Protein backbone atom coordinates (compact mmCIF):
# COMPACT_ATOMS: atom_id res chain seq x y z
CA MET A 1 119.03 70.56 93.01
CA GLY A 2 119.47 71.00 97.15
CA ALA A 3 117.39 70.86 99.68
CA VAL A 4 116.77 72.33 103.01
CA VAL A 5 116.77 71.01 106.11
CA THR A 6 114.72 72.75 109.43
CA GLY A 7 114.22 71.54 112.24
CA LEU A 8 117.04 69.47 113.57
CA ASP A 9 118.06 68.56 117.07
CA LEU A 10 121.42 67.62 117.08
CA THR A 11 121.13 66.54 120.59
CA ASP A 12 118.82 64.22 119.95
CA VAL A 13 118.77 62.56 116.20
CA SER A 14 117.64 59.34 115.50
CA ARG A 15 118.63 56.30 113.91
CA ALA A 16 115.59 57.28 111.70
CA GLU A 17 116.56 60.93 111.36
CA GLU A 18 120.02 59.37 110.16
CA CYS A 19 119.08 57.55 107.46
CA ASP A 20 116.00 59.98 106.25
CA LEU A 21 119.26 62.74 106.15
CA TYR A 22 121.60 60.37 104.14
CA ARG A 23 119.04 59.43 101.66
CA ALA A 24 118.33 63.16 100.84
CA PHE A 25 121.91 63.95 100.70
CA LEU A 26 121.95 61.11 98.09
CA GLN A 27 118.55 62.28 95.97
CA TYR A 28 119.59 65.95 95.87
CA GLY A 29 123.18 65.96 96.23
CA VAL A 30 123.01 69.27 98.83
CA LEU A 31 121.63 70.11 101.92
CA VAL A 32 121.05 72.99 103.71
CA PHE A 33 120.20 73.36 106.97
CA LYS A 34 118.75 76.31 107.95
CA GLY A 35 118.76 77.57 112.04
CA LEU A 36 121.18 75.15 113.24
CA ASN A 37 123.45 77.19 115.60
CA THR A 38 125.83 75.48 116.74
CA ASP A 39 129.33 75.18 117.95
CA MET A 40 132.80 72.77 116.57
CA ALA A 41 131.24 69.56 118.36
CA GLY A 42 128.03 70.19 116.30
CA HIS A 43 129.52 70.71 113.35
CA LEU A 44 131.71 67.56 113.69
CA ALA A 45 128.73 65.65 114.96
CA LEU A 46 126.39 66.66 111.75
CA SER A 47 129.32 65.67 109.52
CA ASN A 48 129.63 61.95 111.16
CA LEU A 49 126.08 61.43 110.61
CA PHE A 50 127.86 61.13 106.51
CA GLY A 51 131.05 59.52 107.38
CA GLU A 52 134.12 60.12 108.74
CA PRO A 53 135.58 63.51 107.51
CA ASP A 54 138.30 64.12 105.45
CA LEU A 55 140.86 66.49 106.26
CA HIS A 56 141.39 69.52 104.03
CA PRO A 57 144.35 69.01 101.87
CA ILE A 58 145.21 72.50 102.32
CA GLU A 59 146.62 72.24 105.63
CA ALA A 60 146.89 76.06 106.53
CA LEU A 61 143.17 76.74 106.25
CA ARG A 62 142.39 73.94 108.80
CA LEU A 63 141.27 74.96 112.70
CA LYS A 64 144.06 74.77 114.74
CA ASP A 65 141.41 73.21 117.71
CA GLU A 66 139.77 70.72 115.53
CA PRO A 67 141.89 70.14 112.26
CA LYS A 68 138.82 68.83 110.65
CA LEU A 69 136.68 71.83 110.27
CA ILE A 70 138.26 75.04 107.79
CA MET A 71 136.77 78.46 108.57
CA LEU A 72 135.04 79.92 105.22
CA ALA A 73 136.34 83.36 105.35
CA ALA A 74 136.31 86.83 103.15
CA ASN A 75 136.43 90.49 103.50
CA GLY A 76 140.34 90.41 104.76
CA GLY A 77 139.56 86.85 107.09
CA ASN A 78 136.37 88.16 108.57
CA PRO A 79 133.86 84.69 108.98
CA VAL A 80 131.57 84.52 106.52
């Protein structure tokens, strides 16, 4: 279960790459994006390749600047 994706450039994703990513997601169920250093806009762009993101059901977990994202945290709220 799962596959690792490397070498993805979010500033220039072709339609063929979008299709490959979606097929990989359907095949493996989980995709891990290694070496993908991005900001909130990049995370949303990546999410949108798979469809429109839903809002997290717990409103308090949503980021104020971008409610379609949440921050995973542990150890007293330090980002993971």
